[in-house]
């Protein structure tokens, strides 16, 4: 009788090798993307033209590590005319003093602060955007999360991309930037940089046009045409739905040639686990097949299973050793391209892959997630919140858009950040 263990060892070995190839290809595409961005920057710097005014919409919810640093990068943009409109749900929000401090530091910058308790729906971020929009003076909306760090030429790259023919929405890549050297934050950033970024680059080659929620850019008119922010407020994966609504109109979701950084702030492995399970369950609900296939992005996990099934095979150990070395080279390369160093991460690469596999298993069942202080149930067709008595409230009216997230290959997207 033929033992099944050698077959399982061979299968997991092939998956591991495929994952390494996918990561290498994705990192190569990311390097080309970065080179293109540098060339375009030189062109934009030399270009003499008028730039349209822009409103940057910044929903805030509490203070967090490096918040001041992230927000300050938006005060330092190389762009002739733009305003920043911050939104908070109450005047006691701890992010408010940070904004006030920056306003004092940059008194010439156009800034508005909207404090409004109105929620509008289960998605508090989008509810915040509904409140913010009332104060926006300009017709190009740049929607950006609070933890995003940007380069000075960020807006010029975005506008140049938005002006391309038949582009209805612009989004940007983002890399994981650990708030400090703690291992949990390094591992959180590693998943974004080693899985998310190569996956997005591969997805673009395959023709996917996912909206990445860290930056979403469109005109006031385009937003009105799809029903405004109100069409998104009952959905957790608002970025995915926004991209779908734009694509349904026959327009493109374009990727601007700039890379932002998102602060990774988790304090503990439990917090990181909860955060990533939320991402996983969100994407599983809207892209189950893509989420399942995303397991290819854990090559060291599969390589270690190869050894479990055939511990005496030299080939099994060779696959793990080569995979670990290749993974380390790719991570170092991406760290250089994104300016997000991960010092000392090499010994922990396999731990990250096993942790990601655990997240996938935990995301395979269940729909309840903790999200911004509320309990949200995510299903394939709708998202709703439960009140203290367990009563259903605020059901969505549309099917969630197809997207993928941090641990998925084509079109990875951090939904419901």
Protein backbone atom coordinates (compact mmCIF):
# COMPACT_ATOMS: atom_id res chain seq x y z
CA UNK A 1 0.00 0.00 0.00
CA UNK A 2 1.40 3.34 -1.05
CA UNK A 3 1.85 5.78 1.82
CA UNK A 4 0.08 9.10 1.42
CA UNK A 5 2.77 11.00 3.34
CA UNK A 6 5.24 11.29 0.42
CA UNK A 7 2.40 12.56 -1.77
CA UNK A 8 1.47 15.18 0.82
CA UNK A 9 5.12 16.15 1.16
CA UNK A 10 5.42 16.59 -2.60
CA UNK A 11 2.20 18.62 -2.78
CA UNK A 12 3.17 20.99 0.03
CA UNK A 13 6.64 21.34 -1.48
CA UNK A 14 5.17 22.40 -4.82
CA UNK A 15 2.89 24.93 -3.10
CA UNK A 16 5.86 26.34 -1.19
CA UNK A 17 7.89 26.75 -4.38
CA UNK A 18 4.94 28.37 -6.13
CA UNK A 19 4.59 30.81 -3.24
CA UNK A 20 8.25 31.75 -3.46
CA UNK A 21 7.99 32.34 -7.20
CA UNK A 22 4.89 34.49 -6.73
CA UNK A 23 6.64 36.58 -4.05
CA UNK A 24 9.76 37.06 -6.19
CA UNK A 25 7.72 38.10 -9.22
CA UNK A 26 5.65 40.48 -7.11
CA UNK A 27 8.72 42.10 -5.57
CA UNK A 28 10.26 42.54 -9.02
CA UNK A 29 7.09 44.26 -10.22
CA UNK A 30 7.18 46.45 -7.11
CA UNK A 31 10.77 47.47 -7.91
CA UNK A 32 9.75 48.46 -11.44
CA UNK A 33 6.81 50.36 -10.01
CA UNK A 34 9.16 52.29 -7.70
CA UNK A 35 11.49 53.12 -10.59
CA UNK A 36 8.55 54.39 -12.62
CA UNK A 37 7.48 56.57 -9.71
CA UNK A 38 10.94 58.15 -9.47
CA UNK A 39 10.99 58.94 -13.19
CA UNK A 40 7.51 60.46 -13.03
CA UNK A 41 8.54 62.55 -10.03
CA UNK A 42 11.32 64.12 -12.06
CA UNK A 43 8.86 64.86 -14.86
CA UNK A 44 6.30 66.42 -12.52
CA UNK A 45 8.97 68.56 -10.84
CA UNK A 46 9.92 70.04 -14.22
CA UNK A 47 6.38 70.43 -15.49
CA UNK A 48 4.90 73.92 -15.58
CA UNK A 49 1.15 73.63 -15.22
CA UNK A 50 -1.78 74.61 -13.05
CA UNK A 51 -2.91 72.13 -10.42
CA UNK A 52 -6.58 71.86 -9.36
CA UNK A 53 -7.41 72.54 -5.69
CA UNK A 54 -7.96 69.49 -3.51
CA UNK A 55 -9.87 68.61 -0.35
CA UNK A 56 -8.22 65.96 1.83
CA UNK A 57 -10.77 64.19 4.02
CA UNK A 58 -9.27 62.84 7.23
CA UNK A 59 -11.59 60.85 9.54
CA UNK A 60 -10.03 60.49 13.00
CA UNK A 61 -10.81 58.28 15.97
CA UNK A 62 -8.47 58.59 18.92
CA UNK A 63 -4.76 59.08 19.35
CA UNK A 64 -2.34 56.35 18.32
CA UNK A 65 1.42 55.87 17.99
CA UNK A 66 2.99 58.15 15.37
CA UNK A 67 -0.33 59.90 14.70
CA UNK A 68 1.33 63.31 14.80
CA UNK A 69 4.05 62.14 12.44
CA UNK A 70 1.51 60.70 9.99
CA UNK A 71 -0.75 63.76 10.00
CA UNK A 72 2.20 66.14 9.73
CA UNK A 73 3.21 64.55 6.42
CA UNK A 74 -0.05 65.94 4.99
CA UNK A 75 0.84 69.44 6.18
CA UNK A 76 4.12 69.20 4.25
CA UNK A 77 2.82 68.32 0.80
CA UNK A 78 4.37 69.98 -2.25
CA UNK A 79 1.13 71.19 -3.79
CA UNK A 80 -0.08 74.74 -4.44
CA UNK A 81 -3.65 74.62 -3.14
CA UNK A 82 -5.25 72.05 -0.87
CA UNK A 83 -7.23 71.91 2.34
CA UNK A 84 -7.30 69.26 5.07
CA UNK A 85 -10.69 68.59 6.64
CA UNK A 86 -10.51 66.52 9.82
CA UNK A 87 -13.55 64.77 11.20
CA UNK A 88 -14.22 63.61 14.75
CA UNK A 89 -17.32 62.24 16.41
CA UNK A 90 -16.86 64.16 19.68
CA UNK A 91 -14.87 67.04 21.14
CA UNK A 92 -13.14 64.80 23.71
CA UNK A 93 -11.46 62.69 21.04
CA UNK A 94 -7.77 62.40 21.93
CA UNK A 95 -6.79 63.04 18.31
CA UNK A 96 -8.06 66.62 18.54
CA UNK A 97 -5.10 68.01 20.54
CA UNK A 98 -2.75 66.51 17.94
CA UNK A 99 -4.58 68.35 15.15
CA UNK A 100 -4.57 71.59 17.12
CA UNK A 101 -0.83 71.28 17.72
CA UNK A 102 -0.17 70.85 14.00
CA UNK A 103 -2.42 73.78 13.12
CA UNK A 104 -0.33 75.98 15.37
CA UNK A 105 2.85 74.68 13.76
CA UNK A 106 1.54 75.28 10.23
CA UNK A 107 -0.69 78.37 10.51
CA UNK A 108 -0.80 78.97 6.73
CA UNK A 109 -2.25 75.58 5.90
CA UNK A 110 -5.99 75.48 5.12
CA UNK A 111 -7.55 73.30 7.84
CA UNK A 112 -11.09 72.65 9.01
CA UNK A 113 -12.19 70.47 11.90
CA UNK A 114 -15.66 68.94 11.88
CA UNK A 115 -16.99 67.62 15.19
CA UNK A 116 -20.29 65.83 14.66
CA UNK A 117 -21.79 62.98 16.67
CA UNK A 118 -23.94 61.75 13.75
CA UNK A 119 -23.16 58.12 12.86
CA UNK A 120 -25.43 57.51 9.80
CA UNK A 121 -24.75 53.73 9.70
CA UNK A 122 -22.59 50.87 10.95
CA UNK A 123 -19.46 52.13 9.20
CA UNK A 124 -18.31 54.92 11.49
CA UNK A 125 -15.48 55.92 9.20
CA UNK A 126 -17.90 56.53 6.32
CA UNK A 127 -20.32 58.24 8.70
CA UNK A 128 -17.47 60.54 9.62
CA UNK A 129 -16.85 61.20 5.91
CA UNK A 130 -20.51 62.17 5.44
CA UNK A 131 -20.05 64.78 8.16
CA UNK A 132 -16.72 65.95 6.73
CA UNK A 133 -17.99 66.41 3.18
CA UNK A 134 -20.24 69.28 4.25
CA UNK A 135 -17.15 71.42 4.90
CA UNK A 136 -15.18 70.50 1.77
CA UNK A 137 -14.68 73.46 -0.55
CA UNK A 138 -13.06 71.75 -3.52
CA UNK A 139 -14.23 69.15 -6.02
CA UNK A 140 -11.44 66.58 -5.85
CA UNK A 141 -11.72 64.43 -2.73
CA UNK A 142 -8.66 62.64 -1.36
CA UNK A 143 -9.86 60.25 1.36
CA UNK A 144 -7.00 59.07 3.54
CA UNK A 145 -6.79 57.13 6.80
CA UNK A 146 -5.33 58.67 9.91
CA UNK A 147 -2.32 56.33 10.08
CA UNK A 148 -1.02 57.01 6.57
CA UNK A 149 2.37 58.66 5.99
CA UNK A 150 2.95 60.20 2.56
CA UNK A 151 5.74 61.73 0.47
CA UNK A 152 5.66 65.45 -0.48
CA UNK A 153 4.73 64.65 -4.12
CA UNK A 154 1.77 62.47 -3.09
CA UNK A 155 -0.95 64.81 -4.43
CA UNK A 156 0.78 65.50 -7.74
CA UNK A 157 1.02 61.78 -8.48
CA UNK A 158 -2.64 61.35 -7.59
CA UNK A 159 -3.89 64.21 -9.76
CA UNK A 160 -1.77 63.14 -12.74
CA UNK A 161 -3.30 59.66 -12.43
CA UNK A 162 -6.86 60.93 -11.98
CA UNK A 163 -6.55 62.93 -15.21
CA UNK A 164 -5.94 59.83 -17.31
CA UNK A 165 -8.73 58.88 -19.74
CA UNK A 166 -11.66 56.97 -18.22
CA UNK A 167 -10.22 56.91 -14.69
CA UNK A 168 -12.98 57.23 -12.13
CA UNK A 169 -11.10 56.41 -8.94
CA UNK A 170 -7.46 56.53 -7.83
CA UNK A 171 -5.91 54.49 -5.05
CA UNK A 172 -2.36 53.97 -3.75
CA UNK A 173 -0.12 51.22 -2.45
CA UNK A 174 0.91 51.29 1.18
CA UNK A 175 3.64 49.53 3.13
CA UNK A 176 3.66 48.50 6.77
CA UNK A 177 5.63 50.84 9.01
CA UNK A 178 6.17 49.43 12.50
CA UNK A 179 5.65 52.12 15.14
CA UNK A 180 8.67 50.77 17.01
CA UNK A 181 10.94 47.72 17.14
CA UNK A 182 8.57 45.46 19.09
CA UNK A 183 8.29 42.03 17.48
CA UNK A 184 4.49 42.09 17.26
CA UNK A 185 4.61 45.31 15.24
CA UNK A 186 7.45 44.03 13.07
CA UNK A 187 5.41 40.91 12.28
CA UNK A 188 2.34 42.99 11.49
CA UNK A 189 4.35 45.13 9.08
CA UNK A 190 5.97 42.03 7.58
CA UNK A 191 2.61 40.61 6.51
CA UNK A 192 1.76 43.82 4.67
CA UNK A 193 5.14 44.13 2.99
CA UNK A 194 5.87 40.50 2.15
CA UNK A 195 2.32 39.39 1.27
CA UNK A 196 0.17 42.41 0.51
CA UNK A 197 2.49 44.42 -1.74
CA UNK A 198 3.70 41.60 -4.02
CA UNK A 199 0.11 40.34 -4.20
CA UNK A 200 -1.23 43.70 -5.34
CA UNK A 201 1.43 43.98 -8.02
CA UNK A 202 0.60 40.50 -9.31
CA UNK A 203 -3.12 41.31 -9.26
CA UNK A 204 -2.58 44.38 -11.43
CA UNK A 205 -0.75 42.30 -14.02
CA UNK A 206 -3.71 39.89 -14.00
CA UNK A 207 -6.10 42.77 -14.67
CA UNK A 208 -7.66 43.34 -11.25
CA UNK A 209 -8.40 46.92 -10.22
CA UNK A 210 -9.09 46.80 -6.51
CA UNK A 211 -9.52 49.90 -4.41
CA UNK A 212 -7.11 50.03 -1.47
CA UNK A 213 -8.79 51.86 1.38
CA UNK A 214 -5.78 53.75 2.72
CA UNK A 215 -6.21 56.28 -0.12
CA UNK A 216 -9.33 56.73 -2.25
CA UNK A 217 -9.55 59.65 -4.67
CA UNK A 218 -12.45 60.76 -6.84
CA UNK A 219 -14.32 63.89 -7.80
CA UNK A 220 -17.37 65.23 -6.03
CA UNK A 221 -19.38 64.52 -9.19
CA UNK A 222 -18.28 60.87 -9.40
CA UNK A 223 -19.16 60.37 -5.76
CA UNK A 224 -22.62 61.84 -6.30
CA UNK A 225 -23.15 59.62 -9.34
CA UNK A 226 -22.75 56.44 -7.25
CA UNK A 227 -25.03 57.66 -4.48
CA UNK A 228 -22.54 59.52 -2.30
CA UNK A 229 -21.00 58.23 0.90
CA UNK A 230 -24.50 57.14 1.93
CA UNK A 231 -24.18 54.21 -0.48
CA UNK A 232 -21.21 52.93 1.53
CA UNK A 233 -22.18 53.64 5.13
CA UNK A 234 -23.89 50.30 5.79
CA UNK A 235 -20.89 48.27 4.62
CA UNK A 236 -17.72 47.33 6.47
CA UNK A 237 -15.72 46.87 3.24
CA UNK A 238 -16.44 50.38 1.98
CA UNK A 239 -13.28 50.52 -0.13
CA UNK A 240 -14.16 47.34 -2.01
CA UNK A 241 -17.71 48.54 -2.63
CA UNK A 242 -16.53 51.95 -3.82
CA UNK A 243 -14.20 50.30 -6.32
CA UNK A 244 -16.99 48.03 -7.55
CA UNK A 245 -19.43 50.91 -8.01
CA UNK A 246 -16.86 52.80 -10.10
CA UNK A 247 -16.02 49.74 -12.20
CA UNK A 248 -19.71 49.04 -12.74
CA UNK A 249 -19.90 52.42 -14.46
CA UNK A 250 -17.25 51.29 -16.94
CA UNK A 251 -14.48 53.39 -15.40
CA UNK A 252 -11.05 52.36 -14.16
CA UNK A 253 -9.68 52.19 -10.64
CA UNK A 254 -6.12 53.41 -11.24
CA UNK A 255 -3.05 52.97 -9.06
CA UNK A 256 -1.07 56.18 -8.53
CA UNK A 257 2.73 55.72 -8.74
CA UNK A 258 3.47 56.47 -5.12
CA UNK A 259 3.87 54.29 -2.03
CA UNK A 260 2.46 55.41 1.31
CA UNK A 261 3.21 53.89 4.70
CA UNK A 262 0.66 52.77 7.26
CA UNK A 263 1.59 52.66 10.93
CA UNK A 264 1.41 49.23 12.54
CA UNK A 265 0.42 49.88 16.15
CA UNK A 266 -0.74 46.61 17.70
CA UNK A 267 0.30 46.31 21.35
CA UNK A 268 0.05 42.52 21.68
CA UNK A 269 -0.22 39.33 19.68
CA UNK A 270 -3.84 39.03 20.77
CA UNK A 271 -4.57 42.46 19.33
CA UNK A 272 -2.76 41.60 16.09
CA UNK A 273 -4.66 38.32 15.90
CA UNK A 274 -8.03 40.03 16.39
CA UNK A 275 -7.19 42.70 13.83
CA UNK A 276 -6.11 40.26 11.15
CA UNK A 277 -9.01 37.89 11.78
CA UNK A 278 -11.30 40.84 11.13
CA UNK A 279 -9.54 41.48 7.83
CA UNK A 280 -9.72 37.79 7.00
CA UNK A 281 -13.41 37.38 7.74
CA UNK A 282 -14.22 40.50 5.78
CA UNK A 283 -12.43 39.33 2.64
CA UNK A 284 -13.68 35.76 3.02
CA UNK A 285 -17.24 37.09 2.95
CA UNK A 286 -16.74 38.98 -0.30
CA UNK A 287 -14.05 36.92 -2.06
CA UNK A 288 -14.05 33.38 -0.62
CA UNK A 289 -12.19 31.70 -3.47
CA UNK A 290 -9.49 34.37 -3.67
CA UNK A 291 -9.04 34.26 0.09
CA UNK A 292 -8.62 30.50 0.07
CA UNK A 293 -6.07 30.65 -2.74
CA UNK A 294 -4.14 33.29 -0.85
CA UNK A 295 -2.63 30.56 1.32
CA UNK A 296 0.06 30.25 -1.36
CA UNK A 297 1.57 33.36 0.20
CA UNK A 298 2.84 31.38 3.22
CA UNK A 299 5.72 29.46 1.58
CA UNK A 300 7.59 28.72 4.81
CA UNK A 301 4.44 27.27 6.35
CA UNK A 302 4.09 24.88 3.41
CA UNK A 303 7.80 24.09 3.44
CA UNK A 304 7.63 23.14 7.11
CA UNK A 305 4.70 20.82 6.36
CA UNK A 306 6.88 19.20 3.72
CA UNK A 307 9.31 18.28 6.49
CA UNK A 308 6.51 17.07 8.76
CA UNK A 309 5.35 14.65 6.07
CA UNK A 310 8.87 13.58 5.01
CA UNK A 311 11.30 14.42 7.84
CA UNK A 312 14.11 12.26 6.45
CA UNK A 313 13.99 13.66 2.94
CA UNK A 314 16.92 15.98 2.06
CA UNK A 315 14.72 17.65 -0.55
CA UNK A 316 12.22 18.68 2.14
CA UNK A 317 14.94 20.37 4.17
CA UNK A 318 16.40 21.96 1.04
CA UNK A 319 13.00 23.49 0.14
CA UNK A 320 12.74 25.02 3.63
CA UNK A 321 16.32 26.33 3.67
CA UNK A 322 16.20 27.85 0.20
CA UNK A 323 12.72 29.22 0.84
CA UNK A 324 13.86 30.91 4.06
CA UNK A 325 16.85 32.50 2.31
CA UNK A 326 14.76 33.69 -0.64
CA UNK A 327 12.11 35.04 1.69
CA UNK A 328 14.75 36.98 3.61
CA UNK A 329 16.20 38.47 0.42
CA UNK A 330 12.75 39.53 -0.81
CA UNK A 331 11.83 41.10 2.55
CA UNK A 332 15.10 43.06 2.62
CA UNK A 333 14.50 44.26 -0.93
CA UNK A 334 10.95 45.41 -0.18
CA UNK A 335 12.10 47.10 3.03
CA UNK A 336 14.54 49.14 0.97
CA UNK A 337 11.97 50.04 -1.68
CA UNK A 338 9.35 51.12 0.87
CA UNK A 339 11.69 52.73 3.42
CA UNK A 340 10.16 50.47 6.07
CA UNK A 341 13.06 48.63 7.74
CA UNK A 342 12.42 45.39 9.63
CA UNK A 343 15.69 44.85 11.53
CA UNK A 344 16.27 41.39 12.92
CA UNK A 345 13.15 39.92 11.34
CA UNK A 346 14.92 37.07 9.47
CA UNK A 347 14.69 34.43 12.27
CA UNK A 348 10.96 35.10 12.65
CA UNK A 349 9.91 34.70 9.02
CA UNK A 350 8.54 31.20 9.59
CA UNK A 351 6.63 32.35 12.67
CA UNK A 352 4.88 34.98 10.55
CA UNK A 353 3.84 32.35 7.99
CA UNK A 354 2.45 30.02 10.66
CA UNK A 355 0.65 32.93 12.30
CA UNK A 356 -0.88 33.85 8.93
CA UNK A 357 -2.02 30.26 8.44
CA UNK A 358 -3.65 30.38 11.88
CA UNK A 359 -5.43 33.60 10.91
CA UNK A 360 -6.77 31.94 7.78
CA UNK A 361 -8.15 28.98 9.74
CA UNK A 362 -9.76 31.32 12.28
CA UNK A 363 -11.27 33.38 9.47
CA UNK A 364 -12.77 30.36 7.73
CA UNK A 365 -15.72 30.22 10.12
CA UNK A 366 -17.70 32.82 12.01
CA UNK A 367 -18.84 36.27 11.03
CA UNK A 368 -18.66 38.25 14.26
CA UNK A 369 -15.83 40.77 14.53
CA UNK A 370 -15.01 43.60 16.92
CA UNK A 371 -14.76 46.80 14.93
CA UNK A 372 -14.24 50.32 16.33
CA UNK A 373 -16.02 49.61 19.59
CA UNK A 374 -18.97 47.70 18.16
CA UNK A 375 -19.82 44.13 17.25
CA UNK A 376 -20.27 43.64 13.52
CA UNK A 377 -21.56 40.54 11.76
CA UNK A 378 -20.20 40.09 8.26
CA UNK A 379 -21.98 37.87 5.76
CA UNK A 380 -21.69 37.34 2.04
CA UNK A 381 -24.59 39.64 1.30
CA UNK A 382 -24.72 42.17 4.08
CA UNK A 383 -23.18 43.50 7.23
CA UNK A 384 -25.09 44.49 10.32
CA UNK A 385 -24.39 45.44 13.89
CA UNK A 386 -25.99 44.12 17.02
CA UNK A 387 -27.06 46.34 19.85
CA UNK A 388 -26.73 45.56 23.53
CA UNK A 389 -29.89 43.47 23.49
CA UNK A 390 -28.73 41.50 20.49
CA UNK A 391 -31.26 43.11 18.18
CA UNK A 392 -30.31 43.47 14.57
CA UNK A 393 -29.75 47.01 13.41
CA UNK A 394 -28.71 48.85 10.28
CA UNK A 395 -28.70 46.21 7.56
CA UNK A 396 -26.90 46.82 4.31
CA UNK A 397 -28.89 47.02 1.13
CA UNK A 398 -26.33 45.87 -1.41
CA UNK A 399 -24.13 42.86 -1.87
CA UNK A 400 -20.57 43.49 -0.73
CA UNK A 401 -18.07 44.09 -3.50
CA UNK A 402 -15.51 41.56 -4.58
CA UNK A 403 -12.11 42.29 -3.07
CA UNK A 404 -9.20 40.70 -1.30
CA UNK A 405 -7.09 41.69 1.66
CA UNK A 406 -3.84 41.47 3.47
CA UNK A 407 -3.34 37.75 3.09
CA UNK A 408 -4.80 37.27 -0.38
CA UNK A 409 -2.91 37.20 -3.66
CA UNK A 410 -4.50 39.05 -6.55
CA UNK A 411 -6.01 42.35 -5.46
CA UNK A 412 -5.12 42.21 -1.79
CA UNK A 413 -6.91 44.91 0.07
CA UNK A 414 -7.04 45.85 3.71
CA UNK A 415 -10.77 46.04 4.01
CA UNK A 416 -12.40 47.72 6.95
CA UNK A 417 -9.19 49.18 8.30
